[in-house]
Amino acid sequence: MEPCAVVSCHVEQPLDDRCWARFAALQGRRPGGFRIAALMRPPDAGEGQERWVTRAREAAVRGPLGHHAHFVSADHARPPSPGPEHAERVRRESAWLREQGLEPQFFCGGGWYIDEEIALALSDAAYVDCTGTSFRPDYLEPGAPRLEVAEPAWLSLDGNRRLLELPATHSLGMAARAALDPAPLPPVVHVYFHDTELLSSARRWALDLALRALARRRAPSDLERLAREAAASAPTESFRKAASAP
């Protein structure tokens, strides 16, 4: 893989008109030349499915499309405990997305949550996962299940199955600080942010600045292109080992 940078957004409020307008405008503008991936939370009970599907189709024209699961509710991403119901939710939502004629290629678990049953569900759905991170998110409690992966990798699973992982390396804040820091960047940079952050003019400005600065240090790419390159050359490591990171 050549050094590059990619950008994804966890679209958690796709039916909020203000959030969506900000995100759609950003995706269309492509700061720094980045095709921004939309990792979208499917509609919960009572949310407008038809409008959601329309917006997902719009996002898929502007950039890569993915599935972002909230395991408890629309406003509660990370489950309090493991359980088979989380993988079942992923399977159910994935099937619904395809019934709508959508073809999401990517996945990110809400609150950075993933377990091996979810990973197997992702492999079955032919998803590329983006739940891993190269750093420990500050808000996670010690011992909280998480997936730590330093660079794109194939994760080996039970039954001779595997899952391609494209880990996040920088939050919006980390990317903004990196824009002003001459310290070396990893070969593959994956910046993520949330659609709700775009409601802040300061954070919109910081993201725009960070992406334009990043484009001068890493060739702008997108999740689709990175997935193709990583599939051919990424190393393999154990999912269980990556999921046991402190």
C-alpha atoms as a PDB file:
ATOM      1  CA  MET A   1       0.000   0.000   0.000  1.00  0.00           C
ATOM      2  CA  GLU A   2       1.197   3.485  -0.852  1.00  0.00           C
ATOM      3  CA  PRO A   3       1.040   6.121   1.913  1.00  0.00           C
ATOM      4  CA  CYS A   4      -2.357   7.802   1.780  1.00  0.00           C
ATOM      5  CA  ALA A   5      -5.159   9.320   3.845  1.00  0.00           C
ATOM      6  CA  VAL A   6      -8.881   8.592   3.977  1.00  0.00           C
ATOM      7  CA  VAL A   7     -11.813  10.213   5.779  1.00  0.00           C
ATOM      8  CA  SER A   8     -15.067   8.794   7.154  1.00  0.00           C
ATOM      9  CA  CYS A   9     -18.023  10.269   9.002  1.00  0.00           C
ATOM     10  CA  HIS A  10     -20.141   8.449  11.584  1.00  0.00           C
ATOM     11  CA  VAL A  11     -23.540   9.719  10.444  1.00  0.00           C
ATOM     12  CA  GLU A  12     -25.523   9.267  13.641  1.00  0.00           C
ATOM     13  CA  GLN A  13     -28.328  11.766  13.006  1.00  0.00           C
ATOM     14  CA  PRO A  14     -29.130  11.332   9.294  1.00  0.00           C
ATOM     15  CA  LEU A  15     -32.708  12.573   9.753  1.00  0.00           C
ATOM     16  CA  ASP A  16     -31.710  15.765  11.546  1.00  0.00           C
ATOM     17  CA  ASP A  17     -32.030  18.378   8.816  1.00  0.00           C
ATOM     18  CA  ARG A  18     -29.284  20.640  10.162  1.00  0.00           C
ATOM     19  CA  CYS A  19     -26.783  17.788  10.580  1.00  0.00           C
ATOM     20  CA  TRP A  20     -27.612  16.383   7.180  1.00  0.00           C
ATOM     21  CA  ALA A  21     -27.308  19.721   5.380  1.00  0.00           C
ATOM     22  CA  ARG A  22     -23.882  20.319   6.904  1.00  0.00           C
ATOM     23  CA  PHE A  23     -22.683  16.826   6.079  1.00  0.00           C
ATOM     24  CA  ALA A  24     -24.058  16.828   2.523  1.00  0.00           C
ATOM     25  CA  ALA A  25     -22.383  20.172   1.843  1.00  0.00           C
ATOM     26  CA  LEU A  26     -19.069  18.912   3.209  1.00  0.00           C
ATOM     27  CA  GLN A  27     -19.240  15.672   1.226  1.00  0.00           C
ATOM     28  CA  GLY A  28     -19.971  17.650  -1.936  1.00  0.00           C
ATOM     29  CA  ARG A  29     -17.179  20.175  -1.332  1.00  0.00           C
ATOM     30  CA  ARG A  30     -14.460  17.527  -0.739  1.00  0.00           C
ATOM     31  CA  PRO A  31     -11.968  19.630   1.262  1.00  0.00           C
ATOM     32  CA  GLY A  32      -8.431  18.580   0.472  1.00  0.00           C
ATOM     33  CA  GLY A  33      -9.780  16.427  -2.375  1.00  0.00           C
ATOM     34  CA  PHE A  34     -11.154  13.733  -0.036  1.00  0.00           C
ATOM     35  CA  ARG A  35     -14.182  11.594  -0.929  1.00  0.00           C
ATOM     36  CA  ILE A  36     -15.709  11.342   2.534  1.00  0.00           C
ATOM     37  CA  ALA A  37     -17.342   8.043   3.422  1.00  0.00           C
ATOM     38  CA  ALA A  38     -20.779   8.100   5.061  1.00  0.00           C
ATOM     39  CA  LEU A  39     -21.039   5.379   7.723  1.00  0.00           C
ATOM     40  CA  MET A  40     -24.748   5.758   8.432  1.00  0.00           C
ATOM     41  CA  ARG A  41     -26.824   4.593  11.393  1.00  0.00           C
ATOM     42  CA  PRO A  42     -29.942   2.802  10.073  1.00  0.00           C
ATOM     43  CA  PRO A  43     -33.289   4.176  11.245  1.00  0.00           C
ATOM     44  CA  ASP A  44     -34.587   3.083  14.619  1.00  0.00           C
ATOM     45  CA  ALA A  45     -38.252   2.334  15.319  1.00  0.00           C
ATOM     46  CA  GLY A  46     -40.342   5.435  14.687  1.00  0.00           C
ATOM     47  CA  GLU A  47     -37.764   7.123  12.451  1.00  0.00           C
ATOM     48  CA  GLY A  48     -38.630   7.875   8.833  1.00  0.00           C
ATOM     49  CA  GLN A  49     -37.343   5.002   6.729  1.00  0.00           C
ATOM     50  CA  GLU A  50     -38.234   6.466   3.334  1.00  0.00           C
ATOM     51  CA  ARG A  51     -36.404   9.739   3.982  1.00  0.00           C
ATOM     52  CA  TRP A  52     -33.458   7.822   5.423  1.00  0.00           C
ATOM     53  CA  VAL A  53     -33.158   5.678   2.273  1.00  0.00           C
ATOM     54  CA  THR A  54     -33.324   8.769   0.060  1.00  0.00           C
ATOM     55  CA  ARG A  55     -30.491  10.388   1.970  1.00  0.00           C
ATOM     56  CA  ALA A  56     -28.396   7.216   1.976  1.00  0.00           C
ATOM     57  CA  ARG A  57     -28.711   7.031  -1.809  1.00  0.00           C
ATOM     58  CA  GLU A  58     -27.616  10.657  -2.072  1.00  0.00           C
ATOM     59  CA  ALA A  59     -24.601   9.990   0.144  1.00  0.00           C
ATOM     60  CA  ALA A  60     -23.626   6.931  -1.912  1.00  0.00           C
ATOM     61  CA  VAL A  61     -23.342   9.127  -5.021  1.00  0.00           C
ATOM     62  CA  ARG A  62     -20.951  11.516  -3.268  1.00  0.00           C
ATOM     63  CA  GLY A  63     -18.698   8.932  -1.583  1.00  0.00           C
ATOM     64  CA  PRO A  64     -18.367   5.434  -0.104  1.00  0.00           C
ATOM     65  CA  LEU A  65     -21.343   4.163   1.895  1.00  0.00           C
ATOM     66  CA  GLY A  66     -21.180   2.213   5.136  1.00  0.00           C
ATOM     67  CA  HIS A  67     -23.240   0.906   8.065  1.00  0.00           C
ATOM     68  CA  HIS A  68     -22.823   2.384  11.555  1.00  0.00           C
ATOM     69  CA  ALA A  69     -24.577   0.360  14.270  1.00  0.00           C
ATOM     70  CA  HIS A  70     -25.917   1.774  17.525  1.00  0.00           C
ATOM     71  CA  PHE A  71     -26.462  -1.307  19.650  1.00  0.00           C
ATOM     72  CA  VAL A  72     -28.896   0.122  22.202  1.00  0.00           C
ATOM     73  CA  SER A  73     -30.850   2.994  20.652  1.00  0.00           C
ATOM     74  CA  ALA A  74     -30.544   5.997  18.362  1.00  0.00           C
ATOM     75  CA  ASP A  75     -28.791   7.968  21.096  1.00  0.00           C
ATOM     76  CA  HIS A  76     -26.996   5.095  22.883  1.00  0.00           C
ATOM     77  CA  ALA A  77     -24.291   3.456  20.780  1.00  0.00           C
ATOM     78  CA  ARG A  78     -22.289   1.115  22.991  1.00  0.00           C
ATOM     79  CA  PRO A  79     -23.941  -1.878  24.684  1.00  0.00           C
ATOM     80  CA  PRO A  80     -23.390  -2.303  28.441  1.00  0.00           C
ATOM     81  CA  SER A  81     -22.500  -5.991  28.113  1.00  0.00           C
ATOM     82  CA  PRO A  82     -21.737  -8.638  25.471  1.00  0.00           C
ATOM     83  CA  GLY A  83     -24.510 -10.768  24.005  1.00  0.00           C
ATOM     84  CA  PRO A  84     -25.581 -12.543  20.807  1.00  0.00           C
ATOM     85  CA  GLU A  85     -28.231  -9.894  20.197  1.00  0.00           C
ATOM     86  CA  HIS A  86     -25.563  -7.455  18.978  1.00  0.00           C
ATOM     87  CA  ALA A  87     -24.473  -9.650  16.065  1.00  0.00           C
ATOM     88  CA  GLU A  88     -28.132 -10.351  15.318  1.00  0.00           C
ATOM     89  CA  ARG A  89     -28.782  -6.622  15.113  1.00  0.00           C
ATOM     90  CA  VAL A  90     -25.945  -6.244  12.610  1.00  0.00           C
ATOM     91  CA  ARG A  91     -27.338  -9.092  10.487  1.00  0.00           C
ATOM     92  CA  ARG A  92     -30.869  -7.696  10.638  1.00  0.00           C
ATOM     93  CA  GLU A  93     -29.826  -4.155   9.728  1.00  0.00           C
ATOM     94  CA  SER A  94     -27.501  -5.356   6.974  1.00  0.00           C
ATOM     95  CA  ALA A  95     -30.306  -7.380   5.404  1.00  0.00           C
ATOM     96  CA  TRP A  96     -32.678  -4.387   5.602  1.00  0.00           C
ATOM     97  CA  LEU A  97     -30.134  -2.112   3.899  1.00  0.00           C
ATOM     98  CA  ARG A  98     -29.816  -4.511   0.991  1.00  0.00           C
ATOM     99  CA  GLU A  99     -33.593  -4.870   0.748  1.00  0.00           C
ATOM    100  CA  GLN A 100     -33.636  -1.122   0.060  1.00  0.00           C
ATOM    101  CA  GLY A 101     -31.255  -1.586  -2.869  1.00  0.00           C
ATOM    102  CA  LEU A 102     -28.315  -0.135  -0.946  1.00  0.00           C
ATOM    103  CA  GLU A 103     -24.858  -1.733  -1.056  1.00  0.00           C
ATOM    104  CA  PRO A 104     -22.867  -0.527   1.959  1.00  0.00           C
ATOM    105  CA  GLN A 105     -19.323  -1.864   1.910  1.00  0.00           C
ATOM    106  CA  PHE A 106     -18.071  -0.678   5.297  1.00  0.00           C
ATOM    107  CA  PHE A 107     -19.018  -0.996   8.959  1.00  0.00           C
ATOM    108  CA  CYS A 108     -18.217   0.710  12.236  1.00  0.00           C
ATOM    109  CA  GLY A 109     -19.592  -0.389  15.586  1.00  0.00           C
ATOM    110  CA  GLY A 110     -21.020   2.384  17.739  1.00  0.00           C
ATOM    111  CA  GLY A 111     -18.843   3.318  20.703  1.00  0.00           C
ATOM    112  CA  TRP A 112     -16.074   1.290  18.998  1.00  0.00           C
ATOM    113  CA  TYR A 113     -17.816  -1.905  20.099  1.00  0.00           C
ATOM    114  CA  ILE A 114     -17.160  -5.192  18.333  1.00  0.00           C
ATOM    115  CA  ASP A 115     -16.920  -8.826  19.408  1.00  0.00           C
ATOM    116  CA  GLU A 116     -16.123 -11.998  17.492  1.00  0.00           C
ATOM    117  CA  GLU A 117     -19.763 -12.813  16.765  1.00  0.00           C
ATOM    118  CA  ILE A 118     -20.175  -9.371  15.220  1.00  0.00           C
ATOM    119  CA  ALA A 119     -16.947  -9.875  13.277  1.00  0.00           C
ATOM    120  CA  LEU A 120     -18.317 -13.132  11.860  1.00  0.00           C
ATOM    121  CA  ALA A 121     -21.533 -11.353  10.872  1.00  0.00           C
ATOM    122  CA  LEU A 122     -19.478  -8.691   9.112  1.00  0.00           C
ATOM    123  CA  SER A 123     -17.499 -11.334   7.254  1.00  0.00           C
ATOM    124  CA  ASP A 124     -20.752 -12.990   6.145  1.00  0.00           C
ATOM    125  CA  ALA A 125     -22.020  -9.618   4.889  1.00  0.00           C
ATOM    126  CA  ALA A 126     -18.761  -9.029   2.960  1.00  0.00           C
ATOM    127  CA  TYR A 127     -18.199  -5.816   4.919  1.00  0.00           C
ATOM    128  CA  VAL A 128     -14.868  -4.117   5.475  1.00  0.00           C
ATOM    129  CA  ASP A 129     -14.615  -3.129   9.130  1.00  0.00           C
ATOM    130  CA  CYS A 130     -13.582   0.295  10.461  1.00  0.00           C
ATOM    131  CA  THR A 131     -14.289  -0.326  14.170  1.00  0.00           C
ATOM    132  CA  GLY A 132     -10.649  -0.818  15.117  1.00  0.00           C
ATOM    133  CA  THR A 133      -8.518   2.114  16.212  1.00  0.00           C
ATOM    134  CA  SER A 134      -4.779   2.619  16.467  1.00  0.00           C
ATOM    135  CA  PHE A 135      -5.282   4.428  19.802  1.00  0.00           C
ATOM    136  CA  ARG A 136      -7.382   3.985  22.912  1.00  0.00           C
ATOM    137  CA  PRO A 137     -10.392   6.336  22.917  1.00  0.00           C
ATOM    138  CA  ASP A 138     -10.195   8.370  26.118  1.00  0.00           C
ATOM    139  CA  TYR A 139     -13.793   7.832  27.185  1.00  0.00           C
ATOM    140  CA  LEU A 140     -13.600   4.039  27.301  1.00  0.00           C
ATOM    141  CA  GLU A 141     -13.275   2.578  30.771  1.00  0.00           C
ATOM    142  CA  PRO A 142     -10.298   0.320  31.591  1.00  0.00           C
ATOM    143  CA  GLY A 143     -10.940  -3.176  30.305  1.00  0.00           C
ATOM    144  CA  ALA A 144     -13.749  -2.100  27.974  1.00  0.00           C
ATOM    145  CA  PRO A 145     -13.828  -4.384  24.900  1.00  0.00           C
ATOM    146  CA  ARG A 146     -12.160  -2.740  21.926  1.00  0.00           C
ATOM    147  CA  LEU A 147     -10.161  -3.580  18.831  1.00  0.00           C
ATOM    148  CA  GLU A 148      -6.673  -2.126  18.453  1.00  0.00           C
ATOM    149  CA  VAL A 149      -5.061  -2.353  15.024  1.00  0.00           C
ATOM    150  CA  ALA A 150      -2.156  -0.157  13.968  1.00  0.00           C
ATOM    151  CA  GLU A 151      -2.590  -0.429  10.205  1.00  0.00           C
ATOM    152  CA  PRO A 152      -4.873  -2.049   7.624  1.00  0.00           C
ATOM    153  CA  ALA A 153      -4.899  -5.813   8.230  1.00  0.00           C
ATOM    154  CA  TRP A 154      -6.774  -9.015   7.616  1.00  0.00           C
ATOM    155  CA  LEU A 155      -8.154 -10.329  10.917  1.00  0.00           C
ATOM    156  CA  SER A 156      -8.348 -14.103  11.181  1.00  0.00           C
ATOM    157  CA  LEU A 157     -11.589 -15.506  12.631  1.00  0.00           C
ATOM    158  CA  ASP A 158     -12.905 -18.931  13.571  1.00  0.00           C
ATOM    159  CA  GLY A 159     -13.735 -21.315  10.763  1.00  0.00           C
ATOM    160  CA  ASN A 160     -10.912 -20.127   8.491  1.00  0.00           C
ATOM    161  CA  ARG A 161     -12.767 -16.888   7.906  1.00  0.00           C
ATOM    162  CA  ARG A 162     -11.311 -13.405   7.924  1.00  0.00           C
ATOM    163  CA  LEU A 163     -12.272  -9.747   8.023  1.00  0.00           C
ATOM    164  CA  LEU A 164     -10.494  -6.801   6.409  1.00  0.00           C
ATOM    165  CA  GLU A 165      -9.850  -4.027   8.950  1.00  0.00           C
ATOM    166  CA  LEU A 166      -9.198  -0.358   8.092  1.00  0.00           C
ATOM    167  CA  PRO A 167      -8.617   1.183  11.539  1.00  0.00           C
ATOM    168  CA  ALA A 168      -9.211   4.808  12.443  1.00  0.00           C
ATOM    169  CA  THR A 169      -6.014   6.657  13.347  1.00  0.00           C
ATOM    170  CA  HIS A 170      -7.192  10.220  14.041  1.00  0.00           C
ATOM    171  CA  SER A 171     -10.286  11.848  15.492  1.00  0.00           C
ATOM    172  CA  LEU A 172     -11.168  15.347  14.299  1.00  0.00           C
ATOM    173  CA  GLY A 173      -9.268  16.856  17.227  1.00  0.00           C
ATOM    174  CA  MET A 174      -6.228  14.625  16.665  1.00  0.00           C
ATOM    175  CA  ALA A 175      -6.229  15.509  12.953  1.00  0.00           C
ATOM    176  CA  ALA A 176      -6.411  19.240  13.717  1.00  0.00           C
ATOM    177  CA  ARG A 177      -3.458  18.965  16.093  1.00  0.00           C
ATOM    178  CA  ALA A 178      -1.517  16.901  13.557  1.00  0.00           C
ATOM    179  CA  ALA A 179      -2.026  19.651  10.987  1.00  0.00           C
ATOM    180  CA  LEU A 180       0.130  21.923  13.154  1.00  0.00           C
ATOM    181  CA  ASP A 181       2.614  19.249  14.250  1.00  0.00           C
ATOM    182  CA  PRO A 182       5.585  18.234  12.059  1.00  0.00           C
ATOM    183  CA  ALA A 183       5.808  14.837  13.782  1.00  0.00           C
ATOM    184  CA  PRO A 184       5.663  11.853  11.392  1.00  0.00           C
ATOM    185  CA  LEU A 185       2.274  10.472  10.408  1.00  0.00           C
ATOM    186  CA  PRO A 186       1.489   6.772  10.003  1.00  0.00           C
ATOM    187  CA  PRO A 187       1.700   5.574   6.398  1.00  0.00           C
ATOM    188  CA  VAL A 188      -2.093   5.205   6.218  1.00  0.00           C
ATOM    189  CA  VAL A 189      -4.074   7.940   7.968  1.00  0.00           C
ATOM    190  CA  HIS A 190      -7.799   7.397   8.608  1.00  0.00           C
ATOM    191  CA  VAL A 191      -9.571  10.456  10.004  1.00  0.00           C
ATOM    192  CA  TYR A 192     -13.066  10.010  11.414  1.00  0.00           C
ATOM    193  CA  PHE A 193     -15.594  12.511  12.756  1.00  0.00           C
ATOM    194  CA  HIS A 194     -19.296  12.629  13.670  1.00  0.00           C
ATOM    195  CA  ASP A 195     -21.987  14.469  11.772  1.00  0.00           C
ATOM    196  CA  THR A 196     -23.074  16.211  14.987  1.00  0.00           C
ATOM    197  CA  GLU A 197     -19.640  17.867  15.198  1.00  0.00           C
ATOM    198  CA  LEU A 198     -20.507  19.802  12.048  1.00  0.00           C
ATOM    199  CA  LEU A 199     -23.091  21.825  13.988  1.00  0.00           C
ATOM    200  CA  SER A 200     -20.153  23.688  15.566  1.00  0.00           C
ATOM    201  CA  SER A 201     -18.647  26.355  13.327  1.00  0.00           C
ATOM    202  CA  ALA A 202     -15.325  25.997  15.168  1.00  0.00           C
ATOM    203  CA  ARG A 203     -15.198  22.254  14.539  1.00  0.00           C
ATOM    204  CA  ARG A 204     -16.209  22.690  10.880  1.00  0.00           C
ATOM    205  CA  TRP A 205     -13.351  25.158  10.470  1.00  0.00           C
ATOM    206  CA  ALA A 206     -10.916  22.822  12.264  1.00  0.00           C
ATOM    207  CA  LEU A 207     -11.930  19.862  10.086  1.00  0.00           C
ATOM    208  CA  ASP A 208     -11.581  21.844   6.880  1.00  0.00           C
ATOM    209  CA  LEU A 209      -8.134  23.104   7.928  1.00  0.00           C
ATOM    210  CA  ALA A 210      -7.002  19.651   9.035  1.00  0.00           C
ATOM    211  CA  LEU A 211      -8.033  17.952   5.795  1.00  0.00           C
ATOM    212  CA  ARG A 212      -6.426  20.571   3.587  1.00  0.00           C
ATOM    213  CA  ALA A 213      -3.200  20.332   5.605  1.00  0.00           C
ATOM    214  CA  LEU A 214      -3.326  16.526   5.591  1.00  0.00           C
ATOM    215  CA  ALA A 215      -3.668  16.489   1.793  1.00  0.00           C
ATOM    216  CA  ARG A 216      -0.233  18.124   1.576  1.00  0.00           C
ATOM    217  CA  ARG A 217       1.351  15.278   3.565  1.00  0.00           C
ATOM    218  CA  ARG A 218      -0.580  12.215   2.394  1.00  0.00           C
ATOM    219  CA  ALA A 219      -2.167  11.498  -0.975  1.00  0.00           C
ATOM    220  CA  PRO A 220      -5.959  11.854  -0.627  1.00  0.00           C
ATOM    221  CA  SER A 221      -7.701   8.530  -1.154  1.00  0.00           C
ATOM    222  CA  ASP A 222     -10.984   6.968  -0.037  1.00  0.00           C
ATOM    223  CA  LEU A 223     -12.138   3.846   1.770  1.00  0.00           C
ATOM    224  CA  GLU A 224     -13.041   2.043  -1.454  1.00  0.00           C
ATOM    225  CA  ARG A 225      -9.597   2.461  -2.987  1.00  0.00           C
ATOM    226  CA  LEU A 226      -7.822   1.702   0.279  1.00  0.00           C
ATOM    227  CA  ALA A 227      -9.892  -1.472   0.727  1.00  0.00           C
ATOM    228  CA  ARG A 228      -8.903  -2.707  -2.734  1.00  0.00           C
ATOM    229  CA  GLU A 229      -5.217  -2.087  -2.069  1.00  0.00           C
ATOM    230  CA  ALA A 230      -5.297  -3.499   1.461  1.00  0.00           C
ATOM    231  CA  ALA A 231      -7.120  -6.645   0.333  1.00  0.00           C
ATOM    232  CA  ALA A 232      -4.178  -7.491  -1.898  1.00  0.00           C
ATOM    233  CA  SER A 233      -1.292  -6.685   0.450  1.00  0.00           C
ATOM    234  CA  ALA A 234      -2.363  -6.249   4.083  1.00  0.00           C
ATOM    235  CA  PRO A 235      -0.783  -8.521   6.712  1.00  0.00           C
ATOM    236  CA  THR A 236      -2.850 -10.984   8.740  1.00  0.00           C
ATOM    237  CA  GLU A 237      -3.272 -10.964  12.503  1.00  0.00           C
ATOM    238  CA  SER A 238      -5.565 -12.661  14.972  1.00  0.00           C
ATOM    239  CA  PHE A 239      -8.871 -10.967  15.762  1.00  0.00           C
ATOM    240  CA  ARG A 240      -8.698 -12.279  19.304  1.00  0.00           C
ATOM    241  CA  LYS A 241      -5.246 -10.838  19.837  1.00  0.00           C
ATOM    242  CA  ALA A 242      -6.271  -7.441  18.446  1.00  0.00           C
ATOM    243  CA  ALA A 243      -9.426  -7.483  20.598  1.00  0.00           C
ATOM    244  CA  SER A 244      -7.470  -8.144  23.793  1.00  0.00           C
ATOM    245  CA  ALA A 245      -5.608  -4.823  23.695  1.00  0.00           C
ATOM    246  CA  PRO A 246      -5.483  -3.098  27.114  1.00  0.00           C
END
